[in-house]
Amino acid sequence: MQSRIKQMFQASIETKQQALTVLPQAIENASLMMVSALLNEGKILACGNGGSAGDAQHFSSEMLNRFERERPSLPAIALTTDSSTITSIANDYSYEEIFSKQIRALGQEGDVLLAISTSGNSGNVVQAIHAAHDRNMHVVALTGRDGGQIAPLLLPDDVEIRVPSNVTARVQEVHLLTIHCLCDLIDHQLFGSEE
């Protein structure tokens, strides 16, 4: 079993090394977009399914509470947490609309959608991106594999952070690191270096 554990650690390390060569510019661009939205009284809405829902909640909690330093709360909402809203939309309309209907109600021009899908093919995340564009919001998409259905939907001012892996677990591991990078860069740009 320890051999399997070491193989998983090694696979994670290799995926992160590959990501290190291709993702820094996209992560920087995403942080700049998010900071611009926050400086202009916008907010960040986040969505995803399963582990990606957990990542959306992780991001919003780091914004609303704090990341690694004391600073004012920053406006972010995970669209994955309100079970009454999610189940009523899924029941009355369809599961594909659980995020898009929330975005149409809560999203405003200048806000950012953090859309997370390891495959790039989550139907409700695809619909969320359409709704965000309808509301003149920018999109940061965390994807993997070939970008799926999400990649061709993105506009020139959107940012795709595509993990170079076909393995869901590896993609999720890099998504979490990316979220931590975004949190750090947002704090650094808004509040300066820690002394």
N, C-alpha and C. Protein backbone atom coordinates (compact mmCIF):
# COMPACT_ATOMS: atom_id res chain seq x y z
N MET A 1 0.83 -1.19 0.00
CA MET A 1 0.00 0.00 0.00
C MET A 1 0.87 1.26 0.00
N GLN A 2 2.01 1.20 0.68
CA GLN A 2 2.87 2.38 0.69
C GLN A 2 3.39 2.68 -0.71
N SER A 3 3.57 1.65 -1.51
CA SER A 3 4.00 1.87 -2.89
C SER A 3 2.93 2.65 -3.66
N ARG A 4 1.65 2.29 -3.46
CA ARG A 4 0.55 3.03 -4.11
C ARG A 4 0.51 4.48 -3.63
N ILE A 5 0.71 4.66 -2.34
CA ILE A 5 0.72 6.02 -1.79
C ILE A 5 1.82 6.84 -2.45
N LYS A 6 3.00 6.26 -2.56
CA LYS A 6 4.12 6.98 -3.17
C LYS A 6 3.85 7.29 -4.63
N GLN A 7 3.17 6.35 -5.33
CA GLN A 7 2.81 6.60 -6.73
C GLN A 7 1.85 7.78 -6.84
N MET A 8 0.89 7.86 -5.92
CA MET A 8 -0.06 8.99 -5.97
C MET A 8 0.64 10.31 -5.67
N PHE A 9 1.52 10.32 -4.67
CA PHE A 9 2.28 11.53 -4.39
C PHE A 9 3.09 11.94 -5.61
N GLN A 10 3.75 10.96 -6.23
CA GLN A 10 4.59 11.27 -7.39
C GLN A 10 3.76 11.79 -8.55
N ALA A 11 2.60 11.18 -8.79
CA ALA A 11 1.72 11.65 -9.86
C ALA A 11 1.24 13.07 -9.60
N SER A 12 0.94 13.38 -8.34
CA SER A 12 0.51 14.74 -7.98
C SER A 12 1.64 15.73 -8.21
N ILE A 13 2.85 15.36 -7.80
CA ILE A 13 4.01 16.24 -7.98
C ILE A 13 4.25 16.49 -9.47
N GLU A 14 4.18 15.43 -10.28
CA GLU A 14 4.44 15.58 -11.72
C GLU A 14 3.39 16.47 -12.38
N THR A 15 2.13 16.31 -11.98
CA THR A 15 1.07 17.16 -12.55
C THR A 15 1.29 18.62 -12.16
N LYS A 16 1.66 18.85 -10.92
CA LYS A 16 1.92 20.23 -10.48
C LYS A 16 3.12 20.82 -11.20
N GLN A 17 4.14 20.01 -11.47
CA GLN A 17 5.30 20.52 -12.22
C GLN A 17 4.89 20.88 -13.65
N GLN A 18 4.04 20.05 -14.27
CA GLN A 18 3.56 20.39 -15.61
C GLN A 18 2.71 21.66 -15.57
N ALA A 19 1.86 21.77 -14.55
CA ALA A 19 1.01 22.96 -14.42
C ALA A 19 1.85 24.21 -14.20
N LEU A 20 2.95 24.07 -13.48
CA LEU A 20 3.83 25.20 -13.21
C LEU A 20 4.35 25.83 -14.50
N THR A 21 4.51 25.03 -15.54
CA THR A 21 5.04 25.56 -16.80
C THR A 21 3.98 26.24 -17.65
N VAL A 22 2.69 25.94 -17.41
CA VAL A 22 1.66 26.46 -18.31
C VAL A 22 0.62 27.38 -17.65
N LEU A 23 0.51 27.38 -16.34
CA LEU A 23 -0.61 28.10 -15.70
C LEU A 23 -0.30 29.46 -15.09
N PRO A 24 0.94 29.83 -14.77
CA PRO A 24 1.15 31.09 -14.05
C PRO A 24 0.54 32.33 -14.69
N GLN A 25 0.64 32.48 -16.01
CA GLN A 25 0.09 33.67 -16.66
C GLN A 25 -1.43 33.72 -16.52
N ALA A 26 -2.09 32.58 -16.71
CA ALA A 26 -3.55 32.54 -16.58
C ALA A 26 -3.97 32.83 -15.15
N ILE A 27 -3.25 32.31 -14.17
CA ILE A 27 -3.58 32.57 -12.77
C ILE A 27 -3.40 34.05 -12.45
N GLU A 28 -2.31 34.64 -12.95
CA GLU A 28 -2.09 36.07 -12.75
C GLU A 28 -3.23 36.88 -13.37
N ASN A 29 -3.60 36.54 -14.61
CA ASN A 29 -4.68 37.27 -15.29
C ASN A 29 -6.00 37.14 -14.53
N ALA A 30 -6.28 35.96 -14.00
CA ALA A 30 -7.50 35.76 -13.23
C ALA A 30 -7.48 36.61 -11.97
N SER A 31 -6.34 36.67 -11.31
CA SER A 31 -6.26 37.48 -10.08
C SER A 31 -6.47 38.96 -10.39
N LEU A 32 -5.91 39.43 -11.49
CA LEU A 32 -6.09 40.83 -11.88
C LEU A 32 -7.56 41.13 -12.15
N MET A 33 -8.24 40.20 -12.82
CA MET A 33 -9.67 40.37 -13.11
C MET A 33 -10.47 40.44 -11.82
N MET A 34 -10.18 39.53 -10.89
CA MET A 34 -10.90 39.50 -9.62
C MET A 34 -10.65 40.75 -8.80
N VAL A 35 -9.41 41.20 -8.75
CA VAL A 35 -9.07 42.42 -8.00
C VAL A 35 -9.78 43.62 -8.60
N SER A 36 -9.80 43.71 -9.92
CA SER A 36 -10.50 44.82 -10.57
C SER A 36 -11.98 44.83 -10.19
N ALA A 37 -12.60 43.65 -10.19
CA ALA A 37 -14.01 43.56 -9.80
C ALA A 37 -14.20 44.02 -8.35
N LEU A 38 -13.35 43.55 -7.47
CA LEU A 38 -13.48 43.90 -6.04
C LEU A 38 -13.26 45.39 -5.82
N LEU A 39 -12.31 45.99 -6.53
CA LEU A 39 -12.05 47.42 -6.38
C LEU A 39 -13.19 48.27 -6.92
N ASN A 40 -14.00 47.69 -7.81
CA ASN A 40 -15.13 48.42 -8.39
C ASN A 40 -16.46 47.98 -7.79
N GLU A 41 -16.40 47.53 -6.54
CA GLU A 41 -17.59 47.16 -5.75
C GLU A 41 -18.32 45.95 -6.33
N GLY A 42 -17.59 45.12 -7.06
CA GLY A 42 -18.15 43.87 -7.55
C GLY A 42 -17.90 42.74 -6.58
N LYS A 43 -18.36 41.57 -6.96
CA LYS A 43 -18.20 40.38 -6.12
C LYS A 43 -17.84 39.19 -7.00
N ILE A 44 -17.49 38.09 -6.35
CA ILE A 44 -17.14 36.88 -7.06
C ILE A 44 -18.15 35.80 -6.69
N LEU A 45 -18.80 35.23 -7.69
CA LEU A 45 -19.72 34.11 -7.50
C LEU A 45 -18.99 32.85 -7.95
N ALA A 46 -19.12 31.77 -7.19
CA ALA A 46 -18.39 30.54 -7.51
C ALA A 46 -19.33 29.35 -7.57
N CYS A 47 -19.07 28.43 -8.51
CA CYS A 47 -19.92 27.25 -8.62
C CYS A 47 -19.13 26.06 -9.14
N GLY A 48 -19.67 24.87 -8.88
CA GLY A 48 -19.10 23.61 -9.33
C GLY A 48 -19.89 22.47 -8.70
N ASN A 49 -19.60 21.25 -9.08
CA ASN A 49 -20.30 20.07 -8.58
C ASN A 49 -19.33 19.16 -7.82
N GLY A 50 -19.83 18.48 -6.80
CA GLY A 50 -19.02 17.51 -6.08
C GLY A 50 -17.80 18.16 -5.45
N GLY A 51 -16.60 17.62 -5.77
CA GLY A 51 -15.37 18.21 -5.25
C GLY A 51 -15.22 19.65 -5.69
N SER A 52 -15.69 19.97 -6.87
CA SER A 52 -15.62 21.36 -7.36
C SER A 52 -16.56 22.27 -6.58
N ALA A 53 -17.68 21.73 -6.08
CA ALA A 53 -18.55 22.51 -5.19
C ALA A 53 -17.79 22.82 -3.90
N GLY A 54 -17.05 21.82 -3.40
CA GLY A 54 -16.22 22.06 -2.22
C GLY A 54 -15.18 23.13 -2.48
N ASP A 55 -14.59 23.13 -3.68
CA ASP A 55 -13.61 24.15 -4.03
C ASP A 55 -14.25 25.54 -4.10
N ALA A 56 -15.47 25.62 -4.64
CA ALA A 56 -16.18 26.90 -4.69
C ALA A 56 -16.40 27.44 -3.28
N GLN A 57 -16.82 26.56 -2.37
CA GLN A 57 -17.04 26.96 -0.98
C GLN A 57 -15.73 27.32 -0.30
N HIS A 58 -14.67 26.57 -0.59
CA HIS A 58 -13.35 26.87 -0.03
C HIS A 58 -12.93 28.28 -0.43
N PHE A 59 -13.07 28.60 -1.72
CA PHE A 59 -12.69 29.93 -2.21
C PHE A 59 -13.50 31.03 -1.51
N SER A 60 -14.81 30.86 -1.47
CA SER A 60 -15.63 31.92 -0.87
C SER A 60 -15.34 32.09 0.61
N SER A 61 -15.04 31.00 1.31
CA SER A 61 -14.73 31.14 2.73
C SER A 61 -13.41 31.88 2.93
N GLU A 62 -12.43 31.64 2.06
CA GLU A 62 -11.16 32.37 2.17
C GLU A 62 -11.36 33.85 1.89
N MET A 63 -12.29 34.20 1.02
CA MET A 63 -12.56 35.60 0.72
C MET A 63 -13.35 36.27 1.85
N LEU A 64 -14.42 35.60 2.28
CA LEU A 64 -15.31 36.20 3.28
C LEU A 64 -14.67 36.29 4.66
N ASN A 65 -13.88 35.30 5.02
CA ASN A 65 -13.24 35.29 6.32
C ASN A 65 -11.83 35.86 6.17
N ARG A 66 -10.88 35.03 5.89
CA ARG A 66 -9.52 35.48 5.60
C ARG A 66 -8.76 34.30 5.03
N PHE A 67 -7.63 34.62 4.36
CA PHE A 67 -6.78 33.56 3.85
C PHE A 67 -5.66 33.33 4.87
N GLU A 68 -4.53 34.01 4.73
CA GLU A 68 -3.42 33.79 5.66
C GLU A 68 -3.04 35.04 6.44
N ARG A 69 -3.85 36.07 6.35
CA ARG A 69 -3.54 37.32 7.06
C ARG A 69 -4.82 37.99 7.49
N GLU A 70 -4.71 38.85 8.47
CA GLU A 70 -5.86 39.64 8.89
C GLU A 70 -6.11 40.74 7.86
N ARG A 71 -7.34 40.83 7.41
CA ARG A 71 -7.74 41.87 6.46
C ARG A 71 -9.26 41.90 6.40
N PRO A 72 -9.82 42.97 5.82
CA PRO A 72 -11.28 43.04 5.74
C PRO A 72 -11.86 41.89 4.91
N SER A 73 -13.10 41.56 5.18
CA SER A 73 -13.79 40.53 4.41
C SER A 73 -13.99 41.00 2.97
N LEU A 74 -13.95 40.06 2.05
CA LEU A 74 -14.13 40.37 0.63
C LEU A 74 -15.38 39.64 0.12
N PRO A 75 -16.16 40.28 -0.77
CA PRO A 75 -17.45 39.72 -1.18
C PRO A 75 -17.34 38.58 -2.18
N ALA A 76 -17.71 37.40 -1.73
CA ALA A 76 -17.75 36.21 -2.58
C ALA A 76 -18.89 35.32 -2.11
N ILE A 77 -19.53 34.66 -3.06
CA ILE A 77 -20.67 33.80 -2.73
C ILE A 77 -20.49 32.46 -3.44
N ALA A 78 -20.56 31.38 -2.70
CA ALA A 78 -20.60 30.04 -3.31
C ALA A 78 -22.06 29.73 -3.62
N LEU A 79 -22.36 29.44 -4.85
CA LEU A 79 -23.73 29.17 -5.29
C LEU A 79 -24.11 27.71 -5.04
N THR A 80 -23.30 27.01 -4.27
CA THR A 80 -23.46 25.57 -4.04
C THR A 80 -24.03 25.24 -2.67
N THR A 81 -24.35 26.25 -1.86
CA THR A 81 -24.59 26.00 -0.44
C THR A 81 -26.04 26.07 0.02
N ASP A 82 -26.90 26.70 -0.75
CA ASP A 82 -28.29 26.90 -0.33
C ASP A 82 -29.13 25.72 -0.82
N SER A 83 -29.29 24.72 0.05
CA SER A 83 -29.96 23.48 -0.39
C SER A 83 -31.41 23.71 -0.78
N SER A 84 -32.11 24.62 -0.12
CA SER A 84 -33.50 24.88 -0.48
C SER A 84 -33.60 25.47 -1.88
N THR A 85 -32.74 26.43 -2.18
CA THR A 85 -32.73 27.04 -3.52
C THR A 85 -32.34 26.01 -4.57
N ILE A 86 -31.27 25.28 -4.32
CA ILE A 86 -30.78 24.31 -5.30
C ILE A 86 -31.83 23.24 -5.59
N THR A 87 -32.44 22.70 -4.54
CA THR A 87 -33.41 21.63 -4.77
C THR A 87 -34.70 22.14 -5.38
N SER A 88 -35.10 23.35 -5.05
CA SER A 88 -36.33 23.87 -5.67
C SER A 88 -36.12 24.14 -7.15
N ILE A 89 -34.96 24.69 -7.51
CA ILE A 89 -34.68 24.93 -8.94
C ILE A 89 -34.60 23.60 -9.68
N ALA A 90 -33.88 22.63 -9.10
CA ALA A 90 -33.74 21.32 -9.73
C ALA A 90 -35.10 20.65 -9.90
N ASN A 91 -35.97 20.79 -8.90
CA ASN A 91 -37.29 20.17 -8.94
C ASN A 91 -38.23 20.88 -9.91
N ASP A 92 -38.27 22.21 -9.84
CA ASP A 92 -39.24 22.97 -10.64
C ASP A 92 -38.79 23.19 -12.09
N TYR A 93 -37.50 23.23 -12.31
CA TYR A 93 -36.95 23.49 -13.66
C TYR A 93 -36.06 22.32 -14.07
N SER A 94 -34.77 22.45 -13.79
CA SER A 94 -33.85 21.33 -14.08
C SER A 94 -32.56 21.54 -13.31
N TYR A 95 -31.83 20.45 -13.11
CA TYR A 95 -30.55 20.53 -12.40
C TYR A 95 -29.58 21.43 -13.15
N GLU A 96 -29.69 21.50 -14.46
CA GLU A 96 -28.78 22.34 -15.25
C GLU A 96 -28.94 23.83 -14.94
N GLU A 97 -30.05 24.21 -14.30
CA GLU A 97 -30.29 25.64 -14.04
C GLU A 97 -29.99 26.05 -12.60
N ILE A 98 -29.45 25.15 -11.77
CA ILE A 98 -29.29 25.49 -10.35
C ILE A 98 -28.35 26.67 -10.11
N PHE A 99 -27.38 26.87 -10.98
CA PHE A 99 -26.48 28.02 -10.82
C PHE A 99 -26.92 29.21 -11.67
N SER A 100 -27.39 28.94 -12.88
CA SER A 100 -27.73 30.04 -13.79
C SER A 100 -28.86 30.90 -13.25
N LYS A 101 -29.86 30.27 -12.62
CA LYS A 101 -30.95 31.07 -12.05
C LYS A 101 -30.45 31.95 -10.90
N GLN A 102 -29.54 31.45 -10.10
CA GLN A 102 -28.96 32.26 -9.03
C GLN A 102 -28.14 33.42 -9.60
N ILE A 103 -27.40 33.15 -10.65
CA ILE A 103 -26.58 34.20 -11.27
C ILE A 103 -27.47 35.29 -11.86
N ARG A 104 -28.58 34.88 -12.47
CA ARG A 104 -29.47 35.89 -13.05
C ARG A 104 -30.10 36.78 -11.97
N ALA A 105 -30.22 36.25 -10.76
CA ALA A 105 -30.77 37.04 -9.65
C ALA A 105 -29.70 37.85 -8.92
N LEU A 106 -28.52 37.26 -8.74
CA LEU A 106 -27.50 37.87 -7.88
C LEU A 106 -26.36 38.54 -8.64
N GLY A 107 -26.10 38.10 -9.86
CA GLY A 107 -24.97 38.62 -10.61
C GLY A 107 -25.25 39.99 -11.19
N GLN A 108 -24.19 40.81 -11.21
CA GLN A 108 -24.31 42.15 -11.77
C GLN A 108 -23.14 42.41 -12.71
N GLU A 109 -23.32 43.34 -13.61
CA GLU A 109 -22.23 43.71 -14.51
C GLU A 109 -20.99 44.06 -13.70
N GLY A 110 -19.86 43.52 -14.10
CA GLY A 110 -18.62 43.77 -13.39
C GLY A 110 -18.25 42.72 -12.36
N ASP A 111 -19.21 41.84 -12.02
CA ASP A 111 -18.89 40.72 -11.13
C ASP A 111 -18.09 39.67 -11.91
N VAL A 112 -17.52 38.73 -11.18
CA VAL A 112 -16.76 37.63 -11.78
C VAL A 112 -17.40 36.31 -11.37
N LEU A 113 -17.53 35.40 -12.32
CA LEU A 113 -17.94 34.03 -12.03
C LEU A 113 -16.71 33.15 -12.02
N LEU A 114 -16.51 32.44 -10.91
CA LEU A 114 -15.49 31.40 -10.83
C LEU A 114 -16.20 30.08 -11.11
N ALA A 115 -16.01 29.54 -12.32
CA ALA A 115 -16.72 28.35 -12.79
C ALA A 115 -15.75 27.17 -12.76
N ILE A 116 -16.07 26.16 -11.96
CA ILE A 116 -15.13 25.06 -11.73
C ILE A 116 -15.72 23.75 -12.26
N SER A 117 -14.98 23.10 -13.16
CA SER A 117 -15.41 21.81 -13.72
C SER A 117 -14.17 21.05 -14.16
N THR A 118 -13.89 19.92 -13.53
CA THR A 118 -12.67 19.19 -13.88
C THR A 118 -12.69 18.72 -15.33
N SER A 119 -13.86 18.36 -15.85
CA SER A 119 -13.96 17.88 -17.23
C SER A 119 -14.23 19.01 -18.21
N GLY A 120 -14.77 20.11 -17.71
CA GLY A 120 -15.21 21.18 -18.59
C GLY A 120 -16.56 20.91 -19.23
N ASN A 121 -17.23 19.86 -18.77
CA ASN A 121 -18.49 19.44 -19.41
C ASN A 121 -19.70 19.49 -18.49
N SER A 122 -19.60 20.04 -17.30
CA SER A 122 -20.74 20.09 -16.39
C SER A 122 -21.83 20.99 -16.96
N GLY A 123 -23.01 20.39 -17.21
CA GLY A 123 -24.08 21.14 -17.85
C GLY A 123 -24.51 22.37 -17.07
N ASN A 124 -24.59 22.27 -15.75
CA ASN A 124 -25.02 23.43 -14.97
C ASN A 124 -23.95 24.52 -14.91
N VAL A 125 -22.68 24.15 -15.03
CA VAL A 125 -21.61 25.15 -15.08
C VAL A 125 -21.60 25.83 -16.45
N VAL A 126 -21.86 25.06 -17.49
CA VAL A 126 -22.01 25.64 -18.83
C VAL A 126 -23.13 26.68 -18.83
N GLN A 127 -24.29 26.32 -18.25
CA GLN A 127 -25.40 27.26 -18.18
C GLN A 127 -25.06 28.48 -17.32
N ALA A 128 -24.28 28.26 -16.27
CA ALA A 128 -23.84 29.38 -15.42
C ALA A 128 -23.02 30.38 -16.22
N ILE A 129 -22.15 29.88 -17.10
CA ILE A 129 -21.33 30.77 -17.92
C ILE A 129 -22.20 31.57 -18.88
N HIS A 130 -23.20 30.92 -19.49
CA HIS A 130 -24.13 31.66 -20.36
C HIS A 130 -24.82 32.78 -19.57
N ALA A 131 -25.29 32.45 -18.36
CA ALA A 131 -25.98 33.45 -17.55
C ALA A 131 -25.04 34.59 -17.16
N ALA A 132 -23.79 34.25 -16.83
CA ALA A 132 -22.82 35.29 -16.47
C ALA A 132 -22.58 36.23 -17.65
N HIS A 133 -22.44 35.68 -18.83
CA HIS A 133 -22.24 36.53 -20.01
C HIS A 133 -23.47 37.39 -20.27
N ASP A 134 -24.66 36.84 -20.04
CA ASP A 134 -25.89 37.63 -20.21
C ASP A 134 -25.93 38.81 -19.24
N ARG A 135 -25.28 38.65 -18.08
CA ARG A 135 -25.24 39.71 -17.06
C ARG A 135 -23.99 40.59 -17.19
N ASN A 136 -23.24 40.42 -18.29
CA ASN A 136 -22.00 41.18 -18.52
C ASN A 136 -20.98 40.97 -17.41
N MET A 137 -20.89 39.73 -16.95
CA MET A 137 -19.88 39.35 -15.98
C MET A 137 -18.70 38.70 -16.71
N HIS A 138 -17.53 38.79 -16.10
CA HIS A 138 -16.37 38.05 -16.61
C HIS A 138 -16.36 36.67 -15.99
N VAL A 139 -15.66 35.74 -16.63
CA VAL A 139 -15.60 34.36 -16.16
C VAL A 139 -14.15 33.93 -15.99
N VAL A 140 -13.87 33.31 -14.85
CA VAL A 140 -12.64 32.55 -14.66
C VAL A 140 -13.06 31.09 -14.58
N ALA A 141 -12.59 30.28 -15.53
CA ALA A 141 -12.97 28.87 -15.58
C ALA A 141 -11.78 28.01 -15.17
N LEU A 142 -11.98 27.18 -14.15
CA LEU A 142 -11.00 26.17 -13.78
C LEU A 142 -11.44 24.86 -14.41
N THR A 143 -10.63 24.35 -15.33
CA THR A 143 -10.97 23.13 -16.06
C THR A 143 -9.79 22.16 -16.04
N GLY A 144 -9.96 21.05 -16.74
CA GLY A 144 -8.89 20.09 -16.95
C GLY A 144 -9.11 19.44 -18.31
N ARG A 145 -8.37 18.37 -18.54
CA ARG A 145 -8.49 17.61 -19.79
C ARG A 145 -8.33 18.53 -20.99
N ASP A 146 -9.35 18.56 -21.90
CA ASP A 146 -9.24 19.41 -23.09
C ASP A 146 -10.08 20.68 -22.97
N GLY A 147 -10.55 20.98 -21.76
CA GLY A 147 -11.39 22.15 -21.55
C GLY A 147 -12.85 21.90 -21.80
N GLY A 148 -13.18 20.76 -22.42
CA GLY A 148 -14.57 20.36 -22.61
C GLY A 148 -15.42 21.37 -23.33
N GLN A 149 -16.70 21.41 -22.96
CA GLN A 149 -17.66 22.34 -23.57
C GLN A 149 -17.44 23.77 -23.11
N ILE A 150 -16.75 23.94 -21.98
CA ILE A 150 -16.56 25.28 -21.43
C ILE A 150 -15.59 26.10 -22.26
N ALA A 151 -14.47 25.50 -22.68
CA ALA A 151 -13.41 26.26 -23.35
C ALA A 151 -13.92 27.10 -24.52
N PRO A 152 -14.72 26.56 -25.44
CA PRO A 152 -15.15 27.39 -26.58
C PRO A 152 -16.20 28.45 -26.21
N LEU A 153 -16.78 28.37 -25.02
CA LEU A 153 -17.77 29.37 -24.61
C LEU A 153 -17.13 30.66 -24.13
N LEU A 154 -15.87 30.59 -23.74
CA LEU A 154 -15.24 31.73 -23.09
C LEU A 154 -14.97 32.85 -24.08
N LEU A 155 -15.16 34.07 -23.61
CA LEU A 155 -14.94 35.27 -24.42
C LEU A 155 -13.48 35.71 -24.28
N PRO A 156 -13.02 36.59 -25.16
CA PRO A 156 -11.61 37.00 -25.10
C PRO A 156 -11.17 37.58 -23.76
N ASP A 157 -12.07 38.23 -23.04
CA ASP A 157 -11.71 38.81 -21.74
C ASP A 157 -11.84 37.83 -20.58
N ASP A 158 -12.35 36.63 -20.83
CA ASP A 158 -12.44 35.60 -19.79
C ASP A 158 -11.07 34.92 -19.65
N VAL A 159 -10.93 34.12 -18.60
CA VAL A 159 -9.68 33.40 -18.36
C VAL A 159 -9.99 31.94 -18.10
N GLU A 160 -9.31 31.06 -18.85
CA GLU A 160 -9.39 29.64 -18.56
C GLU A 160 -8.08 29.19 -17.92
N ILE A 161 -8.19 28.51 -16.79
CA ILE A 161 -7.04 27.91 -16.13
C ILE A 161 -7.23 26.40 -16.27
N ARG A 162 -6.61 25.83 -17.31
CA ARG A 162 -6.82 24.42 -17.67
C ARG A 162 -5.64 23.57 -17.17
N VAL A 163 -5.93 22.68 -16.25
CA VAL A 163 -4.90 21.81 -15.69
C VAL A 163 -4.51 20.75 -16.73
N PRO A 164 -3.22 20.57 -16.99
CA PRO A 164 -2.78 19.61 -18.00
C PRO A 164 -2.81 18.18 -17.48
N SER A 165 -4.02 17.66 -17.30
CA SER A 165 -4.17 16.28 -16.83
C SER A 165 -5.54 15.75 -17.24
N ASN A 166 -5.63 14.44 -17.41
CA ASN A 166 -6.90 13.77 -17.68
C ASN A 166 -7.43 13.03 -16.46
N VAL A 167 -6.73 13.12 -15.34
CA VAL A 167 -7.10 12.39 -14.13
C VAL A 167 -7.81 13.36 -13.18
N THR A 168 -9.06 13.05 -12.84
CA THR A 168 -9.87 13.96 -12.04
C THR A 168 -9.19 14.35 -10.73
N ALA A 169 -8.63 13.39 -10.02
CA ALA A 169 -7.99 13.69 -8.74
C ALA A 169 -6.83 14.67 -8.91
N ARG A 170 -6.03 14.48 -9.97
CA ARG A 170 -4.90 15.38 -10.19
C ARG A 170 -5.40 16.78 -10.55
N VAL A 171 -6.44 16.86 -11.36
CA VAL A 171 -7.00 18.16 -11.73
C VAL A 171 -7.50 18.87 -10.48
N GLN A 172 -8.21 18.16 -9.61
CA GLN A 172 -8.74 18.78 -8.38
C GLN A 172 -7.62 19.26 -7.48
N GLU A 173 -6.53 18.51 -7.41
CA GLU A 173 -5.40 18.92 -6.57
C GLU A 173 -4.80 20.24 -7.06
N VAL A 174 -4.68 20.38 -8.37
CA VAL A 174 -4.14 21.63 -8.91
C VAL A 174 -5.17 22.75 -8.81
N HIS A 175 -6.46 22.43 -8.92
CA HIS A 175 -7.48 23.47 -8.71
C HIS A 175 -7.37 24.06 -7.32
N LEU A 176 -7.17 23.23 -6.31
CA LEU A 176 -7.04 23.75 -4.95
C LEU A 176 -5.81 24.63 -4.82
N LEU A 177 -4.69 24.21 -5.38
CA LEU A 177 -3.48 25.05 -5.34
C LEU A 177 -3.72 26.37 -6.07
N THR A 178 -4.42 26.30 -7.19
CA THR A 178 -4.75 27.52 -7.95
C THR A 178 -5.60 28.46 -7.11
N ILE A 179 -6.58 27.92 -6.40
CA ILE A 179 -7.42 28.75 -5.53
C ILE A 179 -6.58 29.42 -4.46
N HIS A 180 -5.64 28.70 -3.89
CA HIS A 180 -4.75 29.30 -2.88
C HIS A 180 -3.88 30.39 -3.51
N CYS A 181 -3.41 30.16 -4.74
CA CYS A 181 -2.65 31.20 -5.44
C CYS A 181 -3.51 32.45 -5.66
N LEU A 182 -4.75 32.25 -6.10
CA LEU A 182 -5.64 33.39 -6.32
C LEU A 182 -5.87 34.17 -5.03
N CYS A 183 -6.11 33.45 -3.94
CA CYS A 183 -6.33 34.12 -2.65
C CYS A 183 -5.11 34.94 -2.25
N ASP A 184 -3.94 34.35 -2.40
CA ASP A 184 -2.70 35.05 -2.05
C ASP A 184 -2.50 36.29 -2.92
N LEU A 185 -2.71 36.14 -4.23
CA LEU A 185 -2.49 37.26 -5.14
C LEU A 185 -3.51 38.38 -4.91
N ILE A 186 -4.74 38.01 -4.63
CA ILE A 186 -5.76 39.03 -4.33
C ILE A 186 -5.37 39.80 -3.08
N ASP A 187 -4.99 39.10 -2.03
CA ASP A 187 -4.57 39.78 -0.79
C ASP A 187 -3.37 40.67 -1.05
N HIS A 188 -2.39 40.18 -1.77
CA HIS A 188 -1.18 40.93 -2.03
C HIS A 188 -1.47 42.22 -2.82
N GLN A 189 -2.34 42.09 -3.84
CA GLN A 189 -2.65 43.28 -4.66
C GLN A 189 -3.50 44.29 -3.89
N LEU A 190 -4.41 43.81 -3.07
CA LEU A 190 -5.30 44.74 -2.36
C LEU A 190 -4.67 45.32 -1.10
N PHE A 191 -3.84 44.53 -0.43
CA PHE A 191 -3.38 44.94 0.90
C PHE A 191 -1.86 45.00 1.03
N GLY A 192 -1.13 44.74 -0.04
CA GLY A 192 0.32 44.86 -0.01
C GLY A 192 1.00 43.66 0.63
N SER A 193 2.31 43.74 0.70
CA SER A 193 3.09 42.67 1.29
C SER A 193 2.96 42.68 2.80
N GLU A 194 2.98 41.48 3.37
CA GLU A 194 3.00 41.38 4.83
C GLU A 194 4.39 41.72 5.32
N GLU A 195 4.48 42.39 6.46
CA GLU A 195 5.77 42.74 7.03
C GLU A 195 6.19 41.75 8.06
